[in-house]
Amino acid sequence: MTPEFQEELTHIMRTSFNQFAERHAVPPPQRRHAVEGSPARAVSDFATREHMDVVVMGTLDRKGLEKVLGSTTEQTLYQIPSSILAIRPV
C-alpha cells in the first residue's frame, strides 16, 4: 500500500467516524478516539492507558469455523484488564 493511498484511506475513515459521532451527539475530542492497529491489541492498549473499568463491544452471530476461531471481542477479553460488556445483535 502506498503512503498516498494509506493517507486517503485514513482521511475517509476519520471523516466517516466523525459523521457517525455527530449523528449520535458524541462530543469532540473528549469522547472520540480513533486508534490504529490490530483490533484486540489496540482496544486493550487504549483501555489500559485510559484506565477504563468497562469496555462495551458488539458481537456478530458466527457459525461454523468462524465461531471456533473466535471473534475480536473474545480475543480482546483475554488481553484487556477491564471488564467487557458484549452486546449481541437481536
N, C-alpha and C. Protein backbone atom coordinates (compact mmCIF):
# COMPACT_ATOMS: atom_id res chain seq x y z
N MET A 1 0.84 -1.17 0.00
CA MET A 1 0.00 0.00 0.00
C MET A 1 0.90 1.24 0.00
N THR A 2 0.61 2.15 -0.89
CA THR A 2 1.42 3.36 -0.98
C THR A 2 1.05 4.33 0.14
N PRO A 3 1.99 5.19 0.52
CA PRO A 3 1.67 6.19 1.56
C PRO A 3 0.50 7.09 1.18
N GLU A 4 0.39 7.42 -0.09
CA GLU A 4 -0.72 8.27 -0.55
C GLU A 4 -2.06 7.57 -0.36
N PHE A 5 -2.10 6.29 -0.72
CA PHE A 5 -3.33 5.51 -0.56
C PHE A 5 -3.69 5.39 0.91
N GLN A 6 -2.70 5.11 1.75
CA GLN A 6 -2.92 5.00 3.20
C GLN A 6 -3.48 6.31 3.76
N GLU A 7 -2.91 7.42 3.33
CA GLU A 7 -3.37 8.73 3.79
C GLU A 7 -4.82 8.99 3.37
N GLU A 8 -5.15 8.68 2.14
CA GLU A 8 -6.52 8.87 1.64
C GLU A 8 -7.50 7.97 2.39
N LEU A 9 -7.13 6.73 2.61
CA LEU A 9 -7.97 5.79 3.34
C LEU A 9 -8.20 6.27 4.77
N THR A 10 -7.15 6.72 5.42
CA THR A 10 -7.27 7.25 6.79
C THR A 10 -8.20 8.45 6.82
N HIS A 11 -8.08 9.34 5.84
CA HIS A 11 -8.95 10.51 5.77
C HIS A 11 -10.42 10.10 5.62
N ILE A 12 -10.69 9.14 4.75
CA ILE A 12 -12.05 8.67 4.54
C ILE A 12 -12.62 8.05 5.81
N MET A 13 -11.82 7.22 6.48
CA MET A 13 -12.29 6.57 7.70
C MET A 13 -12.54 7.59 8.82
N ARG A 14 -11.65 8.55 8.98
CA ARG A 14 -11.86 9.57 10.02
C ARG A 14 -13.08 10.43 9.73
N THR A 15 -13.31 10.75 8.47
CA THR A 15 -14.49 11.53 8.09
C THR A 15 -15.76 10.75 8.41
N SER A 16 -15.79 9.47 8.06
CA SER A 16 -16.95 8.63 8.36
C SER A 16 -17.16 8.51 9.87
N PHE A 17 -16.07 8.32 10.60
CA PHE A 17 -16.13 8.21 12.06
C PHE A 17 -16.72 9.49 12.66
N ASN A 18 -16.25 10.64 12.22
CA ASN A 18 -16.75 11.90 12.76
C ASN A 18 -18.21 12.14 12.38
N GLN A 19 -18.62 11.76 11.18
CA GLN A 19 -20.02 11.88 10.79
C GLN A 19 -20.91 11.00 11.67
N PHE A 20 -20.46 9.78 11.93
CA PHE A 20 -21.20 8.88 12.81
C PHE A 20 -21.31 9.47 14.22
N ALA A 21 -20.19 9.99 14.72
CA ALA A 21 -20.18 10.58 16.06
C ALA A 21 -21.10 11.80 16.14
N GLU A 22 -21.11 12.62 15.11
CA GLU A 22 -22.00 13.79 15.07
C GLU A 22 -23.46 13.36 15.13
N ARG A 23 -23.82 12.34 14.34
CA ARG A 23 -25.21 11.85 14.33
C ARG A 23 -25.66 11.38 15.70
N HIS A 24 -24.70 10.89 16.51
CA HIS A 24 -25.03 10.35 17.82
C HIS A 24 -24.60 11.28 18.96
N ALA A 25 -24.32 12.53 18.63
CA ALA A 25 -24.01 13.57 19.61
C ALA A 25 -22.85 13.22 20.54
N VAL A 26 -21.82 12.61 19.99
CA VAL A 26 -20.61 12.32 20.76
C VAL A 26 -19.73 13.57 20.72
N PRO A 27 -19.44 14.17 21.89
CA PRO A 27 -18.69 15.42 21.89
C PRO A 27 -17.22 15.24 21.50
N PRO A 28 -16.72 16.10 20.62
CA PRO A 28 -15.29 16.03 20.26
C PRO A 28 -14.49 16.88 21.22
N PRO A 29 -13.22 16.71 21.41
CA PRO A 29 -12.49 15.46 21.15
C PRO A 29 -12.49 14.56 22.36
N GLN A 30 -13.12 15.01 23.46
CA GLN A 30 -13.06 14.28 24.73
C GLN A 30 -13.57 12.85 24.64
N ARG A 31 -14.54 12.59 23.81
CA ARG A 31 -15.14 11.26 23.77
C ARG A 31 -14.99 10.56 22.43
N ARG A 32 -14.18 11.10 21.55
CA ARG A 32 -13.94 10.48 20.24
C ARG A 32 -12.50 10.01 20.17
N HIS A 33 -12.33 8.75 19.93
CA HIS A 33 -10.98 8.19 19.89
C HIS A 33 -10.88 7.23 18.72
N ALA A 34 -9.90 7.43 17.88
CA ALA A 34 -9.63 6.52 16.78
C ALA A 34 -8.21 5.99 16.98
N VAL A 35 -8.08 4.69 17.10
CA VAL A 35 -6.77 4.09 17.29
C VAL A 35 -6.51 3.13 16.14
N GLU A 36 -5.27 2.95 15.81
CA GLU A 36 -4.89 2.09 14.70
C GLU A 36 -4.16 0.86 15.22
N GLY A 37 -4.27 -0.21 14.47
CA GLY A 37 -3.55 -1.42 14.81
C GLY A 37 -4.47 -2.62 14.86
N SER A 38 -3.93 -3.72 15.30
CA SER A 38 -4.71 -4.94 15.49
C SER A 38 -5.85 -4.64 16.45
N PRO A 39 -7.10 -4.95 16.10
CA PRO A 39 -8.24 -4.54 16.94
C PRO A 39 -8.14 -4.96 18.40
N ALA A 40 -7.86 -6.21 18.68
CA ALA A 40 -7.80 -6.67 20.07
C ALA A 40 -6.69 -5.95 20.83
N ARG A 41 -5.53 -5.83 20.25
CA ARG A 41 -4.40 -5.17 20.90
C ARG A 41 -4.67 -3.67 21.07
N ALA A 42 -5.22 -3.02 20.04
CA ALA A 42 -5.49 -1.59 20.11
C ALA A 42 -6.51 -1.27 21.18
N VAL A 43 -7.59 -2.05 21.26
CA VAL A 43 -8.61 -1.83 22.29
C VAL A 43 -8.01 -2.06 23.68
N SER A 44 -7.26 -3.13 23.83
CA SER A 44 -6.64 -3.44 25.12
C SER A 44 -5.67 -2.35 25.56
N ASP A 45 -4.81 -1.92 24.66
CA ASP A 45 -3.84 -0.87 24.99
C ASP A 45 -4.54 0.44 25.35
N PHE A 46 -5.58 0.79 24.59
CA PHE A 46 -6.31 2.03 24.85
C PHE A 46 -7.02 1.96 26.20
N ALA A 47 -7.69 0.85 26.48
CA ALA A 47 -8.40 0.69 27.76
C ALA A 47 -7.44 0.77 28.93
N THR A 48 -6.25 0.19 28.78
CA THR A 48 -5.25 0.25 29.83
C THR A 48 -4.75 1.67 30.04
N ARG A 49 -4.42 2.34 28.94
CA ARG A 49 -3.89 3.71 29.01
C ARG A 49 -4.92 4.68 29.61
N GLU A 50 -6.19 4.48 29.30
CA GLU A 50 -7.25 5.39 29.75
C GLU A 50 -7.90 4.94 31.06
N HIS A 51 -7.39 3.86 31.67
CA HIS A 51 -7.88 3.35 32.95
C HIS A 51 -9.38 3.08 32.92
N MET A 52 -9.84 2.39 31.87
CA MET A 52 -11.26 2.10 31.71
C MET A 52 -11.67 0.93 32.59
N ASP A 53 -12.85 1.05 33.20
CA ASP A 53 -13.40 -0.03 34.01
C ASP A 53 -14.15 -1.04 33.15
N VAL A 54 -14.88 -0.53 32.14
CA VAL A 54 -15.71 -1.38 31.28
C VAL A 54 -15.56 -0.92 29.84
N VAL A 55 -15.43 -1.88 28.94
CA VAL A 55 -15.41 -1.62 27.50
C VAL A 55 -16.62 -2.31 26.91
N VAL A 56 -17.44 -1.57 26.15
CA VAL A 56 -18.61 -2.13 25.50
C VAL A 56 -18.24 -2.46 24.06
N MET A 57 -18.50 -3.71 23.67
CA MET A 57 -18.17 -4.15 22.32
C MET A 57 -19.36 -4.89 21.74
N GLY A 58 -19.55 -4.75 20.45
CA GLY A 58 -20.57 -5.51 19.75
C GLY A 58 -20.02 -6.84 19.30
N THR A 59 -20.90 -7.80 19.14
CA THR A 59 -20.50 -9.12 18.62
C THR A 59 -21.33 -9.43 17.39
N LEU A 60 -20.88 -10.39 16.63
CA LEU A 60 -21.60 -10.87 15.46
C LEU A 60 -22.02 -12.30 15.72
N ASP A 61 -23.15 -12.68 15.18
CA ASP A 61 -23.54 -14.09 15.26
C ASP A 61 -22.67 -14.87 14.29
N ARG A 62 -21.88 -15.76 14.81
CA ARG A 62 -20.97 -16.56 13.98
C ARG A 62 -21.44 -17.99 13.96
N LYS A 63 -21.13 -18.65 12.89
CA LYS A 63 -21.49 -20.06 12.74
C LYS A 63 -20.29 -20.83 12.21
N GLY A 64 -20.26 -22.10 12.50
CA GLY A 64 -19.24 -22.97 11.96
C GLY A 64 -17.83 -22.60 12.36
N LEU A 65 -16.91 -22.62 11.39
CA LEU A 65 -15.49 -22.39 11.63
C LEU A 65 -15.22 -21.01 12.20
N GLU A 66 -15.98 -20.00 11.77
CA GLU A 66 -15.78 -18.64 12.29
C GLU A 66 -15.98 -18.62 13.80
N LYS A 67 -16.97 -19.38 14.31
CA LYS A 67 -17.25 -19.41 15.74
C LYS A 67 -16.10 -20.10 16.49
N VAL A 68 -15.55 -21.14 15.92
CA VAL A 68 -14.45 -21.87 16.54
C VAL A 68 -13.21 -20.99 16.66
N LEU A 69 -12.94 -20.20 15.61
CA LEU A 69 -11.75 -19.36 15.61
C LEU A 69 -11.86 -18.17 16.55
N GLY A 70 -13.07 -17.77 16.92
CA GLY A 70 -13.24 -16.67 17.85
C GLY A 70 -13.42 -15.34 17.16
N SER A 71 -13.80 -14.37 17.95
CA SER A 71 -14.08 -13.03 17.43
C SER A 71 -13.12 -12.03 18.06
N THR A 72 -13.18 -10.81 17.55
CA THR A 72 -12.36 -9.73 18.13
C THR A 72 -12.72 -9.53 19.59
N THR A 73 -14.00 -9.60 19.91
CA THR A 73 -14.43 -9.43 21.31
C THR A 73 -13.82 -10.52 22.18
N GLU A 74 -13.86 -11.76 21.73
CA GLU A 74 -13.29 -12.85 22.51
C GLU A 74 -11.78 -12.70 22.65
N GLN A 75 -11.10 -12.33 21.56
CA GLN A 75 -9.65 -12.14 21.63
C GLN A 75 -9.29 -11.01 22.60
N THR A 76 -10.09 -9.94 22.58
CA THR A 76 -9.84 -8.81 23.46
C THR A 76 -10.03 -9.21 24.92
N LEU A 77 -11.01 -10.06 25.18
CA LEU A 77 -11.31 -10.50 26.53
C LEU A 77 -10.08 -11.03 27.26
N TYR A 78 -9.21 -11.70 26.54
CA TYR A 78 -8.03 -12.31 27.16
C TYR A 78 -6.84 -11.36 27.26
N GLN A 79 -6.96 -10.16 26.69
CA GLN A 79 -5.84 -9.21 26.71
C GLN A 79 -6.11 -7.98 27.56
N ILE A 80 -7.36 -7.72 27.89
CA ILE A 80 -7.75 -6.45 28.48
C ILE A 80 -7.83 -6.55 30.00
N PRO A 81 -7.41 -5.51 30.72
CA PRO A 81 -7.50 -5.54 32.18
C PRO A 81 -8.90 -5.13 32.67
N SER A 82 -9.74 -4.63 31.78
CA SER A 82 -11.08 -4.16 32.13
C SER A 82 -12.11 -5.26 31.94
N SER A 83 -13.32 -4.99 32.39
CA SER A 83 -14.44 -5.86 32.09
C SER A 83 -14.93 -5.52 30.68
N ILE A 84 -15.56 -6.51 30.04
CA ILE A 84 -16.13 -6.29 28.71
C ILE A 84 -17.62 -6.57 28.80
N LEU A 85 -18.42 -5.63 28.29
CA LEU A 85 -19.84 -5.83 28.12
C LEU A 85 -20.05 -6.09 26.64
N ALA A 86 -20.39 -7.34 26.29
CA ALA A 86 -20.56 -7.72 24.90
C ALA A 86 -22.04 -7.65 24.53
N ILE A 87 -22.35 -6.90 23.49
CA ILE A 87 -23.72 -6.72 23.02
C ILE A 87 -23.92 -7.54 21.76
N ARG A 88 -24.87 -8.46 21.81
CA ARG A 88 -25.17 -9.33 20.67
C ARG A 88 -26.36 -8.78 19.90
N PRO A 89 -26.31 -8.77 18.57
CA PRO A 89 -27.44 -8.27 17.80
C PRO A 89 -28.66 -9.18 17.99
N VAL A 90 -29.84 -8.58 17.90
CA VAL A 90 -31.07 -9.37 18.05
C VAL A 90 -31.70 -9.64 16.71
